[in-house]
Amino acid sequence: MAVERKGVVTSKGRPLTLVGAEIKVGDKALNFSVLSQSLEKVDFAVSGGKIRLISVVPSLDTGICDAQTRRFNQESANLGDNVEIWTISVDLPTAQARWCGAVGIDKVKVYSDHRDLEFGLAYGVLIKEMRQLSRTIFVVDSDDTVKYVEYVKDIGLHPDYDRAIEAVKMLT
C-alpha cells in the first residue's frame, strides 16, 4: 500500500492527501512510464544523459497550469540541447494534443499519467481526493539525481519559475 501524506499541499486552503513517498534533493530519480499525445508509452529513461525539468500540473485547461506550461516552453529556448522539459498531467493525451496545438507548445514535451498514475505514485504527487497531480517541479541532472524539488504549497499558486530555471542553469 502506498504512503499517504496528509496536508502537504492544499487547494484554496483545504488540506489534500498526496499518495506516494516524498522525493527529495539527492534522491535517485525513479524511472516511470507515461503516455505521449499519440498514446505511445514513453519511459523517463529515454531522456537519460540529459538535464530534465519535470513540470507537474493538475490540468492544462486551467489558468495557472496553462501559464506554467507556456512559461517553461518559452524558457526552454534559452537552455540548450542538453535540457529537456517534461510537463506531466493526468489530462487525456488527446486533450493534451488539442491544447498544445491551440496554444503553440513546441519545445516542452507534454505527457499524460492518466492511464496508470505511475508517475504520480512514484514521485508522490498524486492527489487522492482529486485523482490529479499536485503542482510540483523536479530538476534531475544527467546522472539521474534529483537536484531541485518544489512541492507548491497550494495547487492554485504558481511555482517559483526563477528558482527552477536557475537550478537547471547551474547544471548546464
Protein backbone atom coordinates (compact mmCIF):
# COMPACT_ATOMS: atom_id res chain seq x y z
CA MET A 1 0.00 0.00 0.00
CA ALA A 2 1.32 3.43 -0.95
CA VAL A 3 2.31 6.01 1.62
CA GLU A 4 -0.26 8.78 2.18
CA ARG A 5 0.94 12.24 3.22
CA LYS A 6 -1.88 14.45 4.53
CA GLY A 7 -1.78 18.25 4.46
CA VAL A 8 1.46 18.57 2.46
CA VAL A 9 -0.43 20.64 -0.08
CA THR A 10 -3.76 22.42 -0.11
CA SER A 11 -6.37 23.63 -2.57
CA LYS A 12 -7.66 27.05 -1.57
CA GLY A 13 -6.53 26.32 1.97
CA ARG A 14 -8.23 22.89 2.15
CA PRO A 15 -5.70 20.15 3.08
CA LEU A 16 -5.16 17.42 0.49
CA THR A 17 -3.58 13.96 0.66
CA LEU A 18 -0.61 13.10 -1.56
CA VAL A 19 -0.12 9.41 -2.35
CA GLY A 20 3.42 8.10 -2.69
CA ALA A 21 6.70 8.80 -0.94
CA GLU A 22 8.19 12.29 -0.97
CA ILE A 23 11.04 12.81 -3.43
CA LYS A 24 13.92 14.85 -2.01
CA VAL A 25 17.03 16.53 -3.36
CA GLY A 26 19.76 13.91 -3.61
CA ASP A 27 17.37 11.02 -4.33
CA LYS A 28 17.93 8.92 -7.43
CA ALA A 29 15.26 9.77 -10.00
CA LEU A 30 12.91 6.85 -10.46
CA ASN A 31 12.05 5.60 -13.91
CA PHE A 32 8.37 5.75 -14.87
CA SER A 33 6.16 5.43 -17.93
CA VAL A 34 3.68 7.98 -19.22
CA LEU A 35 1.67 8.33 -22.42
CA SER A 36 2.59 10.55 -25.34
CA GLN A 37 -0.08 12.56 -27.13
CA SER A 38 -0.20 9.76 -29.73
CA LEU A 39 -0.94 7.22 -26.94
CA GLU A 40 2.52 5.64 -27.03
CA LYS A 41 4.17 4.57 -23.78
CA VAL A 42 7.27 6.67 -23.01
CA ASP A 43 9.80 5.78 -20.32
CA PHE A 44 11.63 8.55 -18.46
CA ALA A 45 14.82 6.58 -19.09
CA VAL A 46 14.75 7.66 -22.77
CA SER A 47 15.86 11.11 -21.60
CA GLY A 48 18.82 9.74 -19.65
CA GLY A 49 22.06 11.68 -20.02
CA LYS A 50 20.18 14.99 -20.24
CA ILE A 51 19.18 17.52 -17.62
CA ARG A 52 15.42 17.30 -17.09
CA LEU A 53 12.94 19.73 -15.59
CA ILE A 54 9.68 17.96 -14.79
CA SER A 55 6.82 20.41 -14.53
CA VAL A 56 3.83 18.73 -12.91
CA VAL A 57 0.39 20.32 -13.32
CA PRO A 58 -3.14 19.31 -12.24
CA SER A 59 -4.76 20.11 -15.63
CA LEU A 60 -3.62 22.04 -18.69
CA ASP A 61 -7.11 23.51 -19.09
CA THR A 62 -6.73 25.73 -16.04
CA GLY A 63 -5.18 29.19 -15.92
CA ILE A 64 -2.10 28.55 -13.79
CA CYS A 65 -1.28 25.22 -15.46
CA ASP A 66 -1.62 26.93 -18.84
CA ALA A 67 0.67 29.78 -17.74
CA GLN A 68 3.18 27.37 -16.16
CA THR A 69 3.48 25.27 -19.31
CA ARG A 70 3.73 28.32 -21.57
CA ARG A 71 6.41 29.82 -19.33
CA PHE A 72 8.59 26.71 -19.40
CA ASN A 73 8.05 26.38 -23.16
CA GLN A 74 9.37 29.94 -23.53
CA GLU A 75 12.27 29.38 -21.11
CA SER A 76 13.37 26.20 -22.91
CA ALA A 77 14.62 28.24 -25.87
CA ASN A 78 17.47 29.53 -23.69
CA LEU A 79 18.50 26.28 -22.03
CA GLY A 80 20.34 24.40 -24.78
CA ASP A 81 20.06 20.98 -26.38
CA ASN A 82 21.12 19.06 -23.28
CA VAL A 83 17.99 20.11 -21.36
CA GLU A 84 14.52 18.62 -21.72
CA ILE A 85 11.38 19.95 -20.08
CA TRP A 86 8.60 17.48 -19.46
CA THR A 87 5.12 18.61 -18.43
CA ILE A 88 3.04 15.85 -16.88
CA SER A 89 -0.66 15.89 -16.01
CA VAL A 90 -3.49 13.37 -15.88
CA ASP A 91 -5.29 15.04 -18.78
CA LEU A 92 -6.16 12.65 -21.59
CA PRO A 93 -3.44 12.57 -24.27
CA THR A 94 -5.92 13.72 -26.92
CA ALA A 95 -6.87 16.72 -24.79
CA GLN A 96 -3.17 17.50 -24.30
CA ALA A 97 -2.59 17.35 -28.07
CA ARG A 98 -5.53 19.68 -28.71
CA TRP A 99 -4.36 22.14 -26.05
CA CYS A 100 -0.70 22.11 -27.19
CA GLY A 101 -1.76 22.73 -30.79
CA ALA A 102 -4.09 25.56 -29.81
CA VAL A 103 -1.51 27.44 -27.74
CA GLY A 104 1.64 26.63 -29.73
CA ILE A 105 3.58 24.46 -27.27
CA ASP A 106 6.52 23.26 -29.36
CA LYS A 107 9.53 22.78 -27.07
CA VAL A 108 8.16 21.24 -23.88
CA LYS A 109 7.30 17.53 -24.02
CA VAL A 110 3.78 17.07 -22.65
CA TYR A 111 2.84 13.64 -21.31
CA SER A 112 -0.17 12.03 -19.64
CA ASP A 113 -0.17 9.98 -16.45
CA HIS A 114 -3.88 9.30 -16.91
CA ARG A 115 -3.84 5.55 -17.53
CA ASP A 116 -1.74 4.10 -14.72
CA LEU A 117 -0.80 7.05 -12.46
CA GLU A 118 2.67 5.51 -12.45
CA PHE A 119 4.48 8.84 -12.31
CA GLY A 120 2.15 10.33 -9.68
CA LEU A 121 2.60 7.39 -7.35
CA ALA A 122 6.37 7.05 -7.91
CA TYR A 123 7.02 10.76 -7.30
CA GLY A 124 4.46 11.22 -4.51
CA VAL A 125 2.35 13.82 -6.31
CA LEU A 126 -0.98 12.01 -6.79
CA ILE A 127 -3.78 13.92 -5.04
CA LYS A 128 -6.00 11.24 -3.52
CA GLU A 129 -9.12 13.41 -3.29
CA MET A 130 -8.98 14.64 -6.90
CA ARG A 131 -7.16 11.96 -8.96
CA GLN A 132 -4.97 14.76 -10.28
CA LEU A 133 -1.31 15.56 -9.82
CA SER A 134 -0.10 18.21 -7.41
CA ARG A 135 1.75 21.21 -8.83
CA THR A 136 5.40 20.29 -8.42
CA ILE A 137 8.76 20.95 -10.06
CA PHE A 138 11.62 18.46 -10.17
CA VAL A 139 15.04 19.07 -11.71
CA VAL A 140 17.04 15.92 -12.47
CA ASP A 141 20.68 16.00 -13.57
CA SER A 142 22.26 13.97 -16.38
CA ASP A 143 23.21 11.23 -13.87
CA ASP A 144 19.56 10.85 -12.74
CA THR A 145 19.99 12.57 -9.38
CA VAL A 146 17.24 14.90 -8.19
CA LYS A 147 18.80 18.34 -7.75
CA TYR A 148 15.75 20.54 -7.09
CA VAL A 149 12.24 19.91 -5.78
CA GLU A 150 9.35 22.30 -5.21
CA TYR A 151 6.04 20.92 -3.96
CA VAL A 152 3.94 24.06 -4.42
CA LYS A 153 2.11 24.51 -1.09
CA ASP A 154 -1.27 25.36 -2.64
CA ILE A 155 -2.08 23.89 -6.05
CA GLY A 156 -3.70 27.19 -7.02
CA LEU A 157 -0.36 29.05 -6.79
CA HIS A 158 2.47 29.39 -9.30
CA PRO A 159 5.77 27.61 -8.74
CA ASP A 160 8.96 29.63 -8.32
CA TYR A 161 9.91 29.73 -12.01
CA ASP A 162 13.13 31.65 -11.48
CA ARG A 163 14.49 29.20 -8.87
CA ALA A 164 13.63 26.20 -11.06
CA ILE A 165 15.33 27.70 -14.13
CA GLU A 166 18.33 28.68 -12.02
CA ALA A 167 18.59 25.10 -10.77
CA VAL A 168 18.71 23.92 -14.39
CA LYS A 169 21.27 26.54 -15.42
CA MET A 170 23.56 25.53 -12.55
CA LEU A 171 23.77 22.07 -14.13
CA THR A 172 24.49 23.19 -17.69
